[in-house]
C-alpha atoms as a PDB file:
ATOM      1  CA  MET A   1       0.000   0.000   0.000  1.00  0.00           C
ATOM      2  CA  ASN A   2       2.672   2.478  -1.159  1.00  0.00           C
ATOM      3  CA  ASP A   3       4.946   1.482   1.734  1.00  0.00           C
ATOM      4  CA  VAL A   4       2.404   2.875   4.222  1.00  0.00           C
ATOM      5  CA  ASP A   5       1.217   0.406   6.835  1.00  0.00           C
ATOM      6  CA  GLU A   6      -2.568   0.284   7.097  1.00  0.00           C
ATOM      7  CA  LYS A   7      -2.375   0.626  10.873  1.00  0.00           C
ATOM      8  CA  ASP A   8      -0.691   4.022  10.425  1.00  0.00           C
ATOM      9  CA  ILE A   9      -3.721   5.421   8.606  1.00  0.00           C
ATOM     10  CA  SER A  10      -5.866   7.312  11.087  1.00  0.00           C
ATOM     11  CA  LEU A  11      -9.618   7.698  10.639  1.00  0.00           C
ATOM     12  CA  GLU A  12      -9.782  10.345  13.318  1.00  0.00           C
ATOM     13  CA  GLY A  13     -11.818  13.320  12.221  1.00  0.00           C
ATOM     14  CA  MET A  14     -13.340  11.488   9.224  1.00  0.00           C
ATOM     15  CA  GLU A  15     -17.112  11.412   8.939  1.00  0.00           C
ATOM     16  CA  CYS A  16     -18.721   7.980   8.731  1.00  0.00           C
ATOM     17  CA  VAL A  17     -21.193   8.270   5.877  1.00  0.00           C
ATOM     18  CA  TYR A  18     -22.253   4.625   5.843  1.00  0.00           C
ATOM     19  CA  ALA A  19     -22.015   1.546   8.042  1.00  0.00           C
ATOM     20  CA  LYS A  20     -23.751  -1.813   7.760  1.00  0.00           C
ATOM     21  CA  PRO A  21     -26.724  -1.832  10.127  1.00  0.00           C
ATOM     22  CA  GLU A  22     -26.762  -4.293  13.018  1.00  0.00           C
ATOM     23  CA  THR A  23     -30.033  -5.599  11.641  1.00  0.00           C
ATOM     24  CA  LEU A  24     -28.215  -7.324   8.771  1.00  0.00           C
ATOM     25  CA  THR A  25     -26.175 -10.461   9.395  1.00  0.00           C
ATOM     26  CA  ASP A  26     -22.657 -10.907   8.025  1.00  0.00           C
ATOM     27  CA  THR A  27     -23.985 -13.375   5.457  1.00  0.00           C
ATOM     28  CA  ARG A  28     -23.308 -12.384   1.847  1.00  0.00           C
ATOM     29  CA  PHE A  29     -26.461 -12.036  -0.239  1.00  0.00           C
ATOM     30  CA  HIS A  30     -27.053 -15.047  -2.484  1.00  0.00           C
ATOM     31  CA  TYR A  31     -29.628 -13.435  -4.743  1.00  0.00           C
ATOM     32  CA  CYS A  32     -29.017 -13.276  -8.474  1.00  0.00           C
ATOM     33  CA  PRO A  33     -26.983 -10.239  -9.599  1.00  0.00           C
ATOM     34  CA  GLY A  34     -29.193  -7.181  -9.874  1.00  0.00           C
ATOM     35  CA  CYS A  35     -32.137  -8.726  -8.027  1.00  0.00           C
ATOM     36  CA  GLY A  36     -34.271  -6.210  -6.146  1.00  0.00           C
ATOM     37  CA  HIS A  37     -34.689  -8.480  -3.119  1.00  0.00           C
ATOM     38  CA  SER A  38     -31.291  -7.601  -1.683  1.00  0.00           C
ATOM     39  CA  THR A  39     -31.985  -3.864  -1.967  1.00  0.00           C
ATOM     40  CA  ALA A  40     -35.442  -4.295  -0.433  1.00  0.00           C
ATOM     41  CA  HIS A  41     -33.914  -6.306   2.438  1.00  0.00           C
ATOM     42  CA  HIS A  42     -31.342  -3.617   2.986  1.00  0.00           C
ATOM     43  CA  ALA A  43     -33.873  -0.775   3.041  1.00  0.00           C
ATOM     44  CA  LEU A  44     -36.161  -2.637   5.431  1.00  0.00           C
ATOM     45  CA  MET A  45     -33.377  -3.490   7.840  1.00  0.00           C
ATOM     46  CA  GLU A  46     -31.921   0.023   7.705  1.00  0.00           C
ATOM     47  CA  VAL A  47     -35.282   1.452   8.766  1.00  0.00           C
ATOM     48  CA  ILE A  48     -35.595  -1.007  11.648  1.00  0.00           C
ATOM     49  CA  ASP A  49     -32.060  -0.115  12.734  1.00  0.00           C
ATOM     50  CA  GLU A  50     -32.701   3.628  12.471  1.00  0.00           C
ATOM     51  CA  LEU A  51     -35.924   3.314  14.489  1.00  0.00           C
ATOM     52  CA  GLY A  52     -34.104   1.320  17.176  1.00  0.00           C
ATOM     53  CA  ILE A  53     -36.664  -1.492  17.146  1.00  0.00           C
ATOM     54  CA  GLN A  54     -34.422  -4.452  16.312  1.00  0.00           C
ATOM     55  CA  GLU A  55     -35.220  -6.276  19.569  1.00  0.00           C
ATOM     56  CA  ASP A  56     -38.933  -5.573  19.201  1.00  0.00           C
ATOM     57  CA  THR A  57     -39.493  -6.685  15.598  1.00  0.00           C
ATOM     58  CA  VAL A  58     -40.676 -10.034  14.228  1.00  0.00           C
ATOM     59  CA  GLY A  59     -40.537 -10.824  10.513  1.00  0.00           C
ATOM     60  CA  VAL A  60     -42.448 -13.596   8.765  1.00  0.00           C
ATOM     61  CA  ALA A  61     -41.462 -14.998   5.371  1.00  0.00           C
ATOM     62  CA  PRO A  62     -42.796 -18.015   3.451  1.00  0.00           C
ATOM     63  CA  VAL A  63     -41.695 -20.070   0.459  1.00  0.00           C
ATOM     64  CA  GLY A  64     -40.015 -18.584  -2.616  1.00  0.00           C
ATOM     65  CA  CYS A  65     -37.067 -16.211  -2.880  1.00  0.00           C
ATOM     66  CA  SER A  66     -38.433 -14.561   0.272  1.00  0.00           C
ATOM     67  CA  VAL A  67     -37.388 -17.599   2.281  1.00  0.00           C
ATOM     68  CA  PHE A  68     -33.751 -16.454   2.128  1.00  0.00           C
ATOM     69  CA  ALA A  69     -34.655 -13.518   4.378  1.00  0.00           C
ATOM     70  CA  TYR A  70     -33.969 -15.658   7.436  1.00  0.00           C
ATOM     71  CA  GLN A  71     -30.288 -15.758   6.549  1.00  0.00           C
ATOM     72  CA  TYR A  72     -29.906 -11.995   6.227  1.00  0.00           C
ATOM     73  CA  MET A  73     -32.276 -10.287   8.655  1.00  0.00           C
ATOM     74  CA  ASN A  74     -30.784 -10.128  12.125  1.00  0.00           C
ATOM     75  CA  ILE A  75     -34.116  -9.999  13.921  1.00  0.00           C
ATOM     76  CA  ASP A  76     -36.593 -12.561  15.213  1.00  0.00           C
ATOM     77  CA  MET A  77     -37.976 -14.411  12.193  1.00  0.00           C
ATOM     78  CA  GLN A  78     -40.804 -16.902  11.836  1.00  0.00           C
ATOM     79  CA  GLU A  79     -41.229 -19.216   8.857  1.00  0.00           C
ATOM     80  CA  ALA A  80     -44.651 -19.711   7.309  1.00  0.00           C
ATOM     81  CA  ALA A  81     -46.125 -22.183   4.868  1.00  0.00           C
ATOM     82  CA  HIS A  82     -46.490 -21.098   1.259  1.00  0.00           C
ATOM     83  CA  GLY A  83     -48.952 -18.197   1.074  1.00  0.00           C
ATOM     84  CA  ARG A  84     -49.658 -18.095   4.797  1.00  0.00           C
ATOM     85  CA  ALA A  85     -47.178 -15.435   5.955  1.00  0.00           C
ATOM     86  CA  GLY A  86     -49.852 -12.785   6.348  1.00  0.00           C
ATOM     87  CA  ALA A  87     -51.999 -15.053   8.516  1.00  0.00           C
ATOM     88  CA  VAL A  88     -48.994 -16.105  10.606  1.00  0.00           C
ATOM     89  CA  ALA A  89     -47.911 -12.475  11.020  1.00  0.00           C
ATOM     90  CA  ALA A  90     -51.403 -11.579  12.196  1.00  0.00           C
ATOM     91  CA  ALA A  91     -51.272 -14.410  14.741  1.00  0.00           C
ATOM     92  CA  VAL A  92     -47.854 -13.289  16.010  1.00  0.00           C
ATOM     93  CA  LYS A  93     -49.148  -9.726  16.431  1.00  0.00           C
ATOM     94  CA  ARG A  94     -52.181 -10.911  18.370  1.00  0.00           C
ATOM     95  CA  VAL A  95     -50.053 -12.995  20.713  1.00  0.00           C
ATOM     96  CA  LEU A  96     -47.331 -10.330  21.018  1.00  0.00           C
ATOM     97  CA  PRO A  97     -49.166  -7.024  20.448  1.00  0.00           C
ATOM     98  CA  GLN A  98     -46.201  -5.003  21.720  1.00  0.00           C
ATOM     99  CA  LYS A  99     -44.002  -6.231  18.860  1.00  0.00           C
ATOM    100  CA  TYR A 100     -43.588  -4.702  15.413  1.00  0.00           C
ATOM    101  CA  VAL A 101     -44.588  -7.435  12.963  1.00  0.00           C
ATOM    102  CA  PHE A 102     -44.206  -7.621   9.194  1.00  0.00           C
ATOM    103  CA  SER A 103     -44.585 -10.236   6.481  1.00  0.00           C
ATOM    104  CA  TYR A 104     -42.267 -10.313   3.471  1.00  0.00           C
ATOM    105  CA  GLN A 105     -43.822 -12.047   0.460  1.00  0.00           C
ATOM    106  CA  GLY A 106     -43.451 -12.387  -3.296  1.00  0.00           C
ATOM    107  CA  ASP A 107     -46.145 -12.243  -5.968  1.00  0.00           C
ATOM    108  CA  GLY A 108     -46.285 -16.015  -6.390  1.00  0.00           C
ATOM    109  CA  ASP A 109     -46.972 -16.250  -2.663  1.00  0.00           C
ATOM    110  CA  LEU A 110     -49.054 -13.265  -1.587  1.00  0.00           C
ATOM    111  CA  ALA A 111     -50.982 -12.850  -4.846  1.00  0.00           C
ATOM    112  CA  ALA A 112     -51.493 -16.506  -5.816  1.00  0.00           C
ATOM    113  CA  ILE A 113     -51.636 -19.267  -3.214  1.00  0.00           C
ATOM    114  CA  GLY A 114     -51.975 -16.681  -0.445  1.00  0.00           C
ATOM    115  CA  THR A 115     -54.636 -14.462  -2.000  1.00  0.00           C
ATOM    116  CA  ALA A 116     -57.328 -15.490   0.489  1.00  0.00           C
ATOM    117  CA  GLU A 117     -55.079 -14.967   3.512  1.00  0.00           C
ATOM    118  CA  THR A 118     -53.951 -11.597   2.177  1.00  0.00           C
ATOM    119  CA  ILE A 119     -57.480 -10.310   1.634  1.00  0.00           C
ATOM    120  CA  HIS A 120     -58.870 -11.512   4.940  1.00  0.00           C
ATOM    121  CA  VAL A 121     -55.891 -10.244   6.958  1.00  0.00           C
ATOM    122  CA  ALA A 122     -56.289  -6.808   5.396  1.00  0.00           C
ATOM    123  CA  ASN A 123     -60.077  -6.875   5.687  1.00  0.00           C
ATOM    124  CA  ARG A 124     -59.770  -7.539   9.423  1.00  0.00           C
ATOM    125  CA  GLY A 125     -57.370  -4.612   9.705  1.00  0.00           C
ATOM    126  CA  GLU A 126     -54.708  -6.711  11.398  1.00  0.00           C
ATOM    127  CA  ASN A 127     -52.170  -4.279  12.819  1.00  0.00           C
ATOM    128  CA  ILE A 128     -49.182  -5.486  10.781  1.00  0.00           C
ATOM    129  CA  LEU A 129     -47.090  -4.434   7.795  1.00  0.00           C
ATOM    130  CA  MET A 130     -47.228  -6.571   4.655  1.00  0.00           C
ATOM    131  CA  VAL A 131     -44.292  -6.121   2.263  1.00  0.00           C
ATOM    132  CA  PHE A 132     -45.131  -7.406  -1.212  1.00  0.00           C
ATOM    133  CA  ILE A 133     -42.403  -7.935  -3.826  1.00  0.00           C
ATOM    134  CA  ASN A 134     -43.881  -7.783  -7.328  1.00  0.00           C
ATOM    135  CA  ASN A 135     -41.519  -8.854 -10.091  1.00  0.00           C
ATOM    136  CA  ALA A 136     -44.281 -10.349 -12.268  1.00  0.00           C
ATOM    137  CA  ILE A 137     -42.803 -13.830 -12.275  1.00  0.00           C
ATOM    138  CA  TYR A 138     -42.097 -16.882 -10.118  1.00  0.00           C
ATOM    139  CA  GLY A 139     -38.408 -16.225  -9.583  1.00  0.00           C
ATOM    140  CA  MET A 140     -37.304 -19.256  -7.560  1.00  0.00           C
ATOM    141  CA  THR A 141     -39.147 -22.126  -9.208  1.00  0.00           C
ATOM    142  CA  GLY A 142     -38.314 -21.630 -12.873  1.00  0.00           C
ATOM    143  CA  GLY A 143     -39.765 -18.352 -14.111  1.00  0.00           C
ATOM    144  CA  GLN A 144     -43.405 -19.360 -14.413  1.00  0.00           C
ATOM    145  CA  MET A 145     -46.252 -16.921 -14.991  1.00  0.00           C
ATOM    146  CA  ALA A 146     -47.509 -15.155 -11.849  1.00  0.00           C
ATOM    147  CA  PRO A 147     -50.834 -13.413 -11.186  1.00  0.00           C
ATOM    148  CA  THR A 148     -48.982 -10.120 -11.776  1.00  0.00           C
ATOM    149  CA  THR A 149     -47.371 -11.168 -15.079  1.00  0.00           C
ATOM    150  CA  LEU A 150     -48.069  -8.532 -17.731  1.00  0.00           C
ATOM    151  CA  MET A 151     -50.187  -9.125 -20.817  1.00  0.00           C
ATOM    152  CA  GLY A 152     -48.007 -10.510 -23.601  1.00  0.00           C
ATOM    153  CA  MET A 153     -45.129 -11.199 -21.219  1.00  0.00           C
ATOM    154  CA  LYS A 154     -43.281 -14.421 -21.956  1.00  0.00           C
ATOM    155  CA  THR A 155     -42.507 -16.840 -19.134  1.00  0.00           C
ATOM    156  CA  SER A 156     -41.672 -20.534 -18.931  1.00  0.00           C
ATOM    157  CA  THR A 157     -45.403 -21.325 -18.715  1.00  0.00           C
ATOM    158  CA  SER A 158     -46.505 -18.656 -21.196  1.00  0.00           C
ATOM    159  CA  PRO A 159     -43.886 -19.037 -23.943  1.00  0.00           C
ATOM    160  CA  ILE A 160     -45.932 -17.074 -26.473  1.00  0.00           C
ATOM    161  CA  GLY A 161     -46.899 -14.412 -23.939  1.00  0.00           C
ATOM    162  CA  ARG A 162     -49.731 -14.059 -21.446  1.00  0.00           C
ATOM    163  CA  THR A 163     -53.153 -13.876 -23.081  1.00  0.00           C
ATOM    164  CA  PHE A 164     -56.551 -13.048 -21.630  1.00  0.00           C
ATOM    165  CA  GLU A 165     -58.056 -16.209 -23.124  1.00  0.00           C
ATOM    166  CA  THR A 166     -55.728 -18.501 -21.184  1.00  0.00           C
ATOM    167  CA  ALA A 167     -54.845 -16.555 -18.038  1.00  0.00           C
ATOM    168  CA  GLY A 168     -57.043 -13.487 -17.676  1.00  0.00           C
ATOM    169  CA  TYR A 169     -55.685 -10.084 -16.743  1.00  0.00           C
ATOM    170  CA  PRO A 170     -52.878  -9.304 -14.288  1.00  0.00           C
ATOM    171  CA  LEU A 171     -54.019  -8.645 -10.728  1.00  0.00           C
ATOM    172  CA  LYS A 172     -53.422  -5.193  -9.270  1.00  0.00           C
ATOM    173  CA  ILE A 173     -53.209  -6.400  -5.697  1.00  0.00           C
ATOM    174  CA  SER A 174     -52.512  -3.047  -4.051  1.00  0.00           C
ATOM    175  CA  GLU A 175     -55.600  -1.461  -5.613  1.00  0.00           C
ATOM    176  CA  MET A 176     -57.671  -4.429  -4.432  1.00  0.00           C
ATOM    177  CA  ILE A 177     -56.277  -4.211  -0.911  1.00  0.00           C
ATOM    178  CA  ALA A 178     -56.807  -0.441  -0.745  1.00  0.00           C
ATOM    179  CA  MET A 179     -60.564  -0.960  -1.192  1.00  0.00           C
ATOM    180  CA  LEU A 180     -60.811  -2.816   2.111  1.00  0.00           C
ATOM    181  CA  PRO A 181     -61.781  -0.705   5.147  1.00  0.00           C
ATOM    182  CA  GLY A 182     -59.234  -2.501   7.354  1.00  0.00           C
ATOM    183  CA  THR A 183     -56.262  -1.086   5.452  1.00  0.00           C
ATOM    184  CA  TYR A 184     -54.822   2.212   6.664  1.00  0.00           C
ATOM    185  CA  TYR A 185     -51.866   2.807   4.361  1.00  0.00           C
ATOM    186  CA  VAL A 186     -51.309   1.226   0.949  1.00  0.00           C
ATOM    187  CA  THR A 187     -48.451   2.327  -1.277  1.00  0.00           C
ATOM    188  CA  ARG A 188     -46.449   1.120  -4.258  1.00  0.00           C
ATOM    189  CA  GLN A 189     -42.701   1.749  -4.328  1.00  0.00           C
ATOM    190  CA  SER A 190     -39.592   0.433  -6.130  1.00  0.00           C
ATOM    191  CA  VAL A 191     -35.878  -0.072  -5.598  1.00  0.00           C
ATOM    192  CA  HIS A 192     -34.422   0.551  -9.059  1.00  0.00           C
ATOM    193  CA  THR A 193     -32.774   3.897  -8.220  1.00  0.00           C
ATOM    194  CA  ALA A 194     -31.270   5.547  -5.145  1.00  0.00           C
ATOM    195  CA  ASN A 195     -34.158   8.010  -4.977  1.00  0.00           C
ATOM    196  CA  ALA A 196     -36.672   5.162  -5.188  1.00  0.00           C
ATOM    197  CA  VAL A 197     -34.990   3.471  -2.233  1.00  0.00           C
ATOM    198  CA  ARG A 198     -35.243   6.694  -0.233  1.00  0.00           C
ATOM    199  CA  GLN A 199     -38.967   6.870  -0.979  1.00  0.00           C
ATOM    200  CA  LEU A 200     -39.361   3.237   0.058  1.00  0.00           C
ATOM    201  CA  LYS A 201     -37.612   3.915   3.362  1.00  0.00           C
ATOM    202  CA  LYS A 202     -40.016   6.780   4.042  1.00  0.00           C
ATOM    203  CA  ALA A 203     -42.954   4.448   3.383  1.00  0.00           C
ATOM    204  CA  LEU A 204     -41.495   1.776   5.682  1.00  0.00           C
ATOM    205  CA  THR A 205     -40.920   4.326   8.438  1.00  0.00           C
ATOM    206  CA  LYS A 206     -44.508   5.547   8.174  1.00  0.00           C
ATOM    207  CA  SER A 207     -45.811   1.983   8.283  1.00  0.00           C
ATOM    208  CA  PHE A 208     -44.002   1.105  11.488  1.00  0.00           C
ATOM    209  CA  ARG A 209     -45.165   4.378  13.049  1.00  0.00           C
ATOM    210  CA  TYR A 210     -48.770   3.639  12.065  1.00  0.00           C
ATOM    211  CA  GLN A 211     -48.410   0.147  13.512  1.00  0.00           C
ATOM    212  CA  LYS A 212     -47.249   1.621  16.821  1.00  0.00           C
ATOM    213  CA  GLU A 213     -50.345   3.815  16.778  1.00  0.00           C
ATOM    214  CA  GLY A 214     -52.568   0.780  16.113  1.00  0.00           C
ATOM    215  CA  LYS A 215     -53.955   2.111  12.846  1.00  0.00           C
ATOM    216  CA  GLY A 216     -54.508  -1.219  11.074  1.00  0.00           C
ATOM    217  CA  THR A 217     -52.973  -2.979   8.097  1.00  0.00           C
ATOM    218  CA  CYS A 218     -50.188  -1.265   6.169  1.00  0.00           C
ATOM    219  CA  PHE A 219     -49.337  -2.672   2.752  1.00  0.00           C
ATOM    220  CA  ILE A 220     -46.237  -1.809   0.709  1.00  0.00           C
ATOM    221  CA  GLU A 221     -45.884  -3.202  -2.800  1.00  0.00           C
ATOM    222  CA  ILE A 222     -42.336  -3.041  -4.158  1.00  0.00           C
ATOM    223  CA  VAL A 223     -42.196  -3.242  -7.951  1.00  0.00           C
ATOM    224  CA  SER A 224     -38.945  -5.076  -8.538  1.00  0.00           C
ATOM    225  CA  ASN A 225     -37.030  -6.840 -11.272  1.00  0.00           C
ATOM    226  CA  CYS A 226     -35.985 -10.429 -11.870  1.00  0.00           C
ATOM    227  CA  PRO A 227     -33.047 -10.339 -14.289  1.00  0.00           C
ATOM    228  CA  SER A 228     -32.696 -14.138 -14.302  1.00  0.00           C
ATOM    229  CA  GLY A 229     -36.389 -14.810 -14.823  1.00  0.00           C
ATOM    230  CA  TRP A 230     -36.735 -12.042 -17.357  1.00  0.00           C
ATOM    231  CA  LYS A 231     -33.592 -13.251 -19.173  1.00  0.00           C
ATOM    232  CA  MET A 232     -31.976  -9.796 -19.053  1.00  0.00           C
ATOM    233  CA  THR A 233     -28.949  -8.082 -17.603  1.00  0.00           C
ATOM    234  CA  PRO A 234     -29.623  -6.027 -14.446  1.00  0.00           C
ATOM    235  CA  LEU A 235     -29.454  -2.764 -16.429  1.00  0.00           C
ATOM    236  CA  GLN A 236     -31.816  -4.088 -19.082  1.00  0.00           C
ATOM    237  CA  ALA A 237     -34.188  -5.332 -16.393  1.00  0.00           C
ATOM    238  CA  ASN A 238     -34.323  -1.938 -14.679  1.00  0.00           C
ATOM    239  CA  ALA A 239     -35.021  -0.198 -17.982  1.00  0.00           C
ATOM    240  CA  TRP A 240     -37.713  -2.774 -18.843  1.00  0.00           C
ATOM    241  CA  LEU A 241     -39.272  -2.275 -15.419  1.00  0.00           C
ATOM    242  CA  VAL A 242     -39.673   1.450 -16.004  1.00  0.00           C
ATOM    243  CA  GLU A 243     -40.964   1.039 -19.550  1.00  0.00           C
ATOM    244  CA  HIS A 244     -43.350  -1.877 -19.003  1.00  0.00           C
ATOM    245  CA  MET A 245     -44.043  -2.477 -15.292  1.00  0.00           C
ATOM    246  CA  PHE A 246     -44.682   1.099 -14.188  1.00  0.00           C
ATOM    247  CA  PRO A 247     -47.520   1.757 -16.673  1.00  0.00           C
ATOM    248  CA  MET A 248     -49.379  -1.198 -15.130  1.00  0.00           C
ATOM    249  CA  TYR A 249     -48.097  -0.742 -11.580  1.00  0.00           C
ATOM    250  CA  PRO A 250     -47.384   2.998 -11.145  1.00  0.00           C
ATOM    251  CA  PRO A 251     -45.425   3.964  -8.009  1.00  0.00           C
ATOM    252  CA  GLY A 252     -47.017   6.160  -5.387  1.00  0.00           C
ATOM    253  CA  ASP A 253     -49.487   6.135  -2.502  1.00  0.00           C
ATOM    254  CA  ILE A 254     -52.759   4.398  -3.268  1.00  0.00           C
ATOM    255  CA  LYS A 255     -54.396   4.853   0.154  1.00  0.00           C
ATOM    256  CA  ALA A 256     -52.904   7.224   2.683  1.00  0.00           C
ATOM    257  CA  PRO A 257     -54.192   9.116   5.724  1.00  0.00           C
ATOM    258  CA  LYS A 258     -54.969  12.787   5.147  1.00  0.00           C
END
C-alpha cells in the first residue's frame, strides 16, 4: 500500500457516511446479480435499525425467494407455509401485540396461493405491515407466470406471452387491498434507483409508526425486477421495469391518511 502500513492510517476526524446496520447479518447475499430483493432487504433493515426497534421486531417470510430472508435479517424471524405469511404475522401480532410485525412475500406467494389470507388479513385490519415484492414472475421455481405477469409477457409457462383467453388479466393487488376498510396505508414503491430506495424507506418508516399507533394494516408493494427470470442483464431489467411495469403498476401512494 505504497509502503504505508494500514495501521498508520488514522480515521480520526473522518465522517462515517455509511455503516452496515446491526439488523443485517454478516452473510453475503445469495440473490441473483441485480435482483431487487437484496436492496429491499437492505432498506427494510436500515429502517428497523434507524428506528431502534431491532429487539422488538418479528418478521415472517414463506416459500419462494423470500425464504432467504432468514439468513440476512438479524431480527426474530418466523417461517410460514407457502402463502400463509400474512396469517402467521397476524397471529404473532395478536399474541405479542407489543411487537412490530411484518410479512415479506413475493407475488407467487401473496398474490397466488396466499390471495385469500392476504385479503382476509387486510379486511380484518390486522395491525401489521405486509411487504409485497412484485416482479411479475415466479423467480425461484423456474420463471413461471404469476398473477402479476403482464399481458403478452413471456414466461416458462406462457412461452408465447400471457393472453386473456388462457390466463385473464394481471391482478393489481394493491388497488384491491386499498378498497378494504381494514387497510390504513397502501403504497407502491420500487428499488431501481437511489431516490426510489429513499422513498421506500419513508414508506417503511410511516408503516411502522402507524403500527405503533394501532392504525390497522399497512401494505407496501415493491415493484422489482428479476433479471434471471426475465432473461436480461440487471441494467436491461431496470429499464424494462420502467418502460413496461410502471404503466401497469405505477409507483405512489394508493391509500394514505390525510
